[in-house]
Amino acid sequence: MVWEIAELTIKPGQEAGFEAAVARAKPLFERARGCTAMQIQRSIERPNVYRLIVEWATVEDHMVHFRGSPDFQEWRSLVGAYFESPPAVEHTERVL
Protein backbone atom coordinates (compact mmCIF):
# COMPACT_ATOMS: atom_id res chain seq x y z
CA MET A 1 0.00 0.00 0.00
CA VAL A 2 1.01 3.57 -0.66
CA TRP A 3 -0.47 6.80 0.57
CA GLU A 4 -1.03 9.89 -1.49
CA ILE A 5 -0.71 12.91 0.76
CA ALA A 6 -1.73 16.20 -0.79
CA GLU A 7 -1.52 19.52 1.01
CA LEU A 8 -4.37 21.71 -0.18
CA THR A 9 -4.36 25.42 0.62
CA ILE A 10 -7.85 26.82 0.24
CA LYS A 11 -8.75 30.46 -0.41
CA PRO A 12 -9.56 32.07 2.95
CA GLY A 13 -13.28 32.12 3.64
CA GLN A 14 -13.95 29.28 1.18
CA GLU A 15 -13.46 26.39 3.62
CA ALA A 16 -17.15 25.47 3.98
CA GLY A 17 -17.64 25.38 0.22
CA PHE A 18 -14.52 23.27 -0.22
CA GLU A 19 -15.66 20.79 2.42
CA ALA A 20 -19.07 20.46 0.75
CA ALA A 21 -17.39 19.89 -2.63
CA VAL A 22 -15.14 17.20 -1.15
CA ALA A 23 -18.17 15.44 0.32
CA ARG A 24 -19.71 15.35 -3.18
CA ALA A 25 -16.43 14.09 -4.65
CA LYS A 26 -15.81 11.29 -2.15
CA PRO A 27 -17.55 8.61 -4.30
CA LEU A 28 -15.08 9.36 -7.11
CA PHE A 29 -12.28 8.05 -4.92
CA GLU A 30 -14.31 5.21 -3.43
CA ARG A 31 -14.91 3.68 -6.85
CA ALA A 32 -11.38 4.26 -8.18
CA ARG A 33 -9.24 1.26 -9.00
CA GLY A 34 -6.87 0.49 -6.14
CA CYS A 35 -8.29 3.04 -3.70
CA THR A 36 -8.92 1.49 -0.30
CA ALA A 37 -9.42 4.59 1.87
CA MET A 38 -9.73 8.37 1.58
CA GLN A 39 -9.91 11.14 4.13
CA ILE A 40 -9.53 14.88 4.42
CA GLN A 41 -7.92 16.43 7.48
CA ARG A 42 -7.94 20.12 8.36
CA SER A 43 -5.04 21.90 10.02
CA ILE A 44 -5.81 23.38 13.42
CA GLU A 45 -3.06 25.99 13.23
CA ARG A 46 -3.80 26.93 9.61
CA PRO A 47 -7.57 26.42 9.12
CA ASN A 48 -7.45 26.98 5.37
CA VAL A 49 -4.93 24.13 4.91
CA TYR A 50 -6.14 20.57 4.42
CA ARG A 51 -4.49 17.24 3.80
CA LEU A 52 -6.03 14.77 1.41
CA ILE A 53 -4.85 11.29 2.37
CA VAL A 54 -5.68 8.47 0.00
CA GLU A 55 -4.60 4.87 0.40
CA TRP A 56 -3.81 3.24 -2.94
CA ALA A 57 -2.74 -0.29 -3.79
CA THR A 58 0.01 1.12 -6.04
CA VAL A 59 1.36 4.48 -7.16
CA GLU A 60 0.16 3.59 -10.66
CA ASP A 61 -3.41 3.26 -9.41
CA HIS A 62 -3.20 6.93 -8.46
CA MET A 63 -0.91 8.43 -11.10
CA VAL A 64 -2.04 6.42 -14.13
CA HIS A 65 -5.49 4.99 -13.56
CA PHE A 66 -7.10 7.70 -11.42
CA ARG A 67 -5.27 10.75 -12.77
CA GLY A 68 -6.06 9.62 -16.32
CA SER A 69 -9.74 9.08 -15.63
CA PRO A 70 -12.85 11.22 -16.11
CA ASP A 71 -13.38 10.92 -12.34
CA PHE A 72 -10.14 12.87 -11.74
CA GLN A 73 -11.36 15.59 -14.08
CA GLU A 74 -14.63 15.72 -12.14
CA TRP A 75 -12.71 15.93 -8.83
CA ARG A 76 -10.74 18.88 -10.13
CA SER A 77 -13.85 20.61 -11.45
CA LEU A 78 -15.55 20.22 -8.05
CA VAL A 79 -12.67 21.46 -5.89
CA GLY A 80 -10.18 23.26 -8.14
CA ALA A 81 -11.75 26.70 -7.84
CA TYR A 82 -11.21 26.61 -4.08
CA PHE A 83 -7.42 26.15 -4.31
CA GLU A 84 -5.34 29.18 -3.38
CA SER A 85 -2.26 27.47 -4.88
CA PRO A 86 -1.56 24.19 -6.65
CA PRO A 87 -1.64 21.15 -4.33
CA ALA A 88 1.66 19.71 -3.12
CA VAL A 89 1.40 15.95 -3.61
CA GLU A 90 3.69 13.14 -2.50
CA HIS A 91 3.47 9.39 -2.07
CA THR A 92 4.59 7.58 1.07
CA GLU A 93 4.93 4.00 2.17
CA ARG A 94 4.96 2.54 5.64
CA VAL A 95 8.40 1.91 7.08
CA LEU A 96 7.46 0.83 10.57
C-alpha atoms as a PDB file:
ATOM      1  CA  MET A   1       0.000   0.000   0.000  1.00  0.00           C
ATOM      2  CA  VAL A   2       1.011   3.570  -0.659  1.00  0.00           C
ATOM      3  CA  TRP A   3      -0.474   6.797   0.569  1.00  0.00           C
ATOM      4  CA  GLU A   4      -1.025   9.886  -1.491  1.00  0.00           C
ATOM      5  CA  ILE A   5      -0.712  12.910   0.759  1.00  0.00           C
ATOM      6  CA  ALA A   6      -1.727  16.204  -0.792  1.00  0.00           C
ATOM      7  CA  GLU A   7      -1.519  19.522   1.006  1.00  0.00           C
ATOM      8  CA  LEU A   8      -4.367  21.713  -0.182  1.00  0.00           C
ATOM      9  CA  THR A   9      -4.357  25.416   0.617  1.00  0.00           C
ATOM     10  CA  ILE A  10      -7.849  26.823   0.242  1.00  0.00           C
ATOM     11  CA  LYS A  11      -8.754  30.456  -0.411  1.00  0.00           C
ATOM     12  CA  PRO A  12      -9.559  32.074   2.950  1.00  0.00           C
ATOM     13  CA  GLY A  13     -13.280  32.120   3.645  1.00  0.00           C
ATOM     14  CA  GLN A  14     -13.952  29.284   1.182  1.00  0.00           C
ATOM     15  CA  GLU A  15     -13.456  26.395   3.617  1.00  0.00           C
ATOM     16  CA  ALA A  16     -17.147  25.467   3.979  1.00  0.00           C
ATOM     17  CA  GLY A  17     -17.645  25.381   0.215  1.00  0.00           C
ATOM     18  CA  PHE A  18     -14.523  23.275  -0.221  1.00  0.00           C
ATOM     19  CA  GLU A  19     -15.659  20.793   2.424  1.00  0.00           C
ATOM     20  CA  ALA A  20     -19.069  20.464   0.750  1.00  0.00           C
ATOM     21  CA  ALA A  21     -17.394  19.887  -2.628  1.00  0.00           C
ATOM     22  CA  VAL A  22     -15.137  17.197  -1.148  1.00  0.00           C
ATOM     23  CA  ALA A  23     -18.172  15.438   0.316  1.00  0.00           C
ATOM     24  CA  ARG A  24     -19.710  15.354  -3.180  1.00  0.00           C
ATOM     25  CA  ALA A  25     -16.429  14.095  -4.650  1.00  0.00           C
ATOM     26  CA  LYS A  26     -15.805  11.286  -2.154  1.00  0.00           C
ATOM     27  CA  PRO A  27     -17.552   8.615  -4.302  1.00  0.00           C
ATOM     28  CA  LEU A  28     -15.084   9.365  -7.114  1.00  0.00           C
ATOM     29  CA  PHE A  29     -12.281   8.046  -4.917  1.00  0.00           C
ATOM     30  CA  GLU A  30     -14.310   5.208  -3.427  1.00  0.00           C
ATOM     31  CA  ARG A  31     -14.909   3.676  -6.853  1.00  0.00           C
ATOM     32  CA  ALA A  32     -11.378   4.257  -8.178  1.00  0.00           C
ATOM     33  CA  ARG A  33      -9.236   1.258  -9.005  1.00  0.00           C
ATOM     34  CA  GLY A  34      -6.870   0.488  -6.137  1.00  0.00           C
ATOM     35  CA  CYS A  35      -8.293   3.042  -3.705  1.00  0.00           C
ATOM     36  CA  THR A  36      -8.924   1.492  -0.296  1.00  0.00           C
ATOM     37  CA  ALA A  37      -9.424   4.591   1.871  1.00  0.00           C
ATOM     38  CA  MET A  38      -9.727   8.366   1.585  1.00  0.00           C
ATOM     39  CA  GLN A  39      -9.907  11.137   4.135  1.00  0.00           C
ATOM     40  CA  ILE A  40      -9.528  14.879   4.423  1.00  0.00           C
ATOM     41  CA  GLN A  41      -7.917  16.427   7.482  1.00  0.00           C
ATOM     42  CA  ARG A  42      -7.945  20.117   8.362  1.00  0.00           C
ATOM     43  CA  SER A  43      -5.043  21.900  10.025  1.00  0.00           C
ATOM     44  CA  ILE A  44      -5.814  23.377  13.418  1.00  0.00           C
ATOM     45  CA  GLU A  45      -3.059  25.987  13.230  1.00  0.00           C
ATOM     46  CA  ARG A  46      -3.800  26.933   9.611  1.00  0.00           C
ATOM     47  CA  PRO A  47      -7.565  26.421   9.122  1.00  0.00           C
ATOM     48  CA  ASN A  48      -7.446  26.978   5.367  1.00  0.00           C
ATOM     49  CA  VAL A  49      -4.926  24.134   4.914  1.00  0.00           C
ATOM     50  CA  TYR A  50      -6.140  20.572   4.422  1.00  0.00           C
ATOM     51  CA  ARG A  51      -4.488  17.240   3.802  1.00  0.00           C
ATOM     52  CA  LEU A  52      -6.034  14.772   1.411  1.00  0.00           C
ATOM     53  CA  ILE A  53      -4.849  11.291   2.372  1.00  0.00           C
ATOM     54  CA  VAL A  54      -5.683   8.471   0.004  1.00  0.00           C
ATOM     55  CA  GLU A  55      -4.605   4.866   0.400  1.00  0.00           C
ATOM     56  CA  TRP A  56      -3.815   3.243  -2.944  1.00  0.00           C
ATOM     57  CA  ALA A  57      -2.743  -0.289  -3.791  1.00  0.00           C
ATOM     58  CA  THR A  58       0.011   1.118  -6.035  1.00  0.00           C
ATOM     59  CA  VAL A  59       1.361   4.481  -7.159  1.00  0.00           C
ATOM     60  CA  GLU A  60       0.165   3.588 -10.659  1.00  0.00           C
ATOM     61  CA  ASP A  61      -3.410   3.261  -9.407  1.00  0.00           C
ATOM     62  CA  HIS A  62      -3.199   6.931  -8.459  1.00  0.00           C
ATOM     63  CA  MET A  63      -0.910   8.427 -11.098  1.00  0.00           C
ATOM     64  CA  VAL A  64      -2.037   6.424 -14.134  1.00  0.00           C
ATOM     65  CA  HIS A  65      -5.493   4.992 -13.555  1.00  0.00           C
ATOM     66  CA  PHE A  66      -7.104   7.699 -11.423  1.00  0.00           C
ATOM     67  CA  ARG A  67      -5.272  10.749 -12.774  1.00  0.00           C
ATOM     68  CA  GLY A  68      -6.064   9.623 -16.323  1.00  0.00           C
ATOM     69  CA  SER A  69      -9.743   9.076 -15.632  1.00  0.00           C
ATOM     70  CA  PRO A  70     -12.846  11.218 -16.113  1.00  0.00           C
ATOM     71  CA  ASP A  71     -13.378  10.924 -12.337  1.00  0.00           C
ATOM     72  CA  PHE A  72     -10.143  12.867 -11.737  1.00  0.00           C
ATOM     73  CA  GLN A  73     -11.364  15.594 -14.078  1.00  0.00           C
ATOM     74  CA  GLU A  74     -14.633  15.718 -12.141  1.00  0.00           C
ATOM     75  CA  TRP A  75     -12.707  15.926  -8.828  1.00  0.00           C
ATOM     76  CA  ARG A  76     -10.736  18.882 -10.125  1.00  0.00           C
ATOM     77  CA  SER A  77     -13.848  20.610 -11.451  1.00  0.00           C
ATOM     78  CA  LEU A  78     -15.552  20.218  -8.051  1.00  0.00           C
ATOM     79  CA  VAL A  79     -12.666  21.464  -5.893  1.00  0.00           C
ATOM     80  CA  GLY A  80     -10.177  23.259  -8.137  1.00  0.00           C
ATOM     81  CA  ALA A  81     -11.753  26.698  -7.841  1.00  0.00           C
ATOM     82  CA  TYR A  82     -11.205  26.610  -4.077  1.00  0.00           C
ATOM     83  CA  PHE A  83      -7.417  26.149  -4.311  1.00  0.00           C
ATOM     84  CA  GLU A  84      -5.340  29.179  -3.380  1.00  0.00           C
ATOM     85  CA  SER A  85      -2.261  27.474  -4.883  1.00  0.00           C
ATOM     86  CA  PRO A  86      -1.555  24.185  -6.647  1.00  0.00           C
ATOM     87  CA  PRO A  87      -1.640  21.155  -4.327  1.00  0.00           C
ATOM     88  CA  ALA A  88       1.664  19.708  -3.117  1.00  0.00           C
ATOM     89  CA  VAL A  89       1.405  15.951  -3.613  1.00  0.00           C
ATOM     90  CA  GLU A  90       3.690  13.139  -2.505  1.00  0.00           C
ATOM     91  CA  HIS A  91       3.472   9.393  -2.067  1.00  0.00           C
ATOM     92  CA  THR A  92       4.594   7.580   1.069  1.00  0.00           C
ATOM     93  CA  GLU A  93       4.929   4.004   2.171  1.00  0.00           C
ATOM     94  CA  ARG A  94       4.959   2.537   5.637  1.00  0.00           C
ATOM     95  CA  VAL A  95       8.395   1.914   7.082  1.00  0.00           C
ATOM     96  CA  LEU A  96       7.457   0.832  10.573  1.00  0.00           C
END
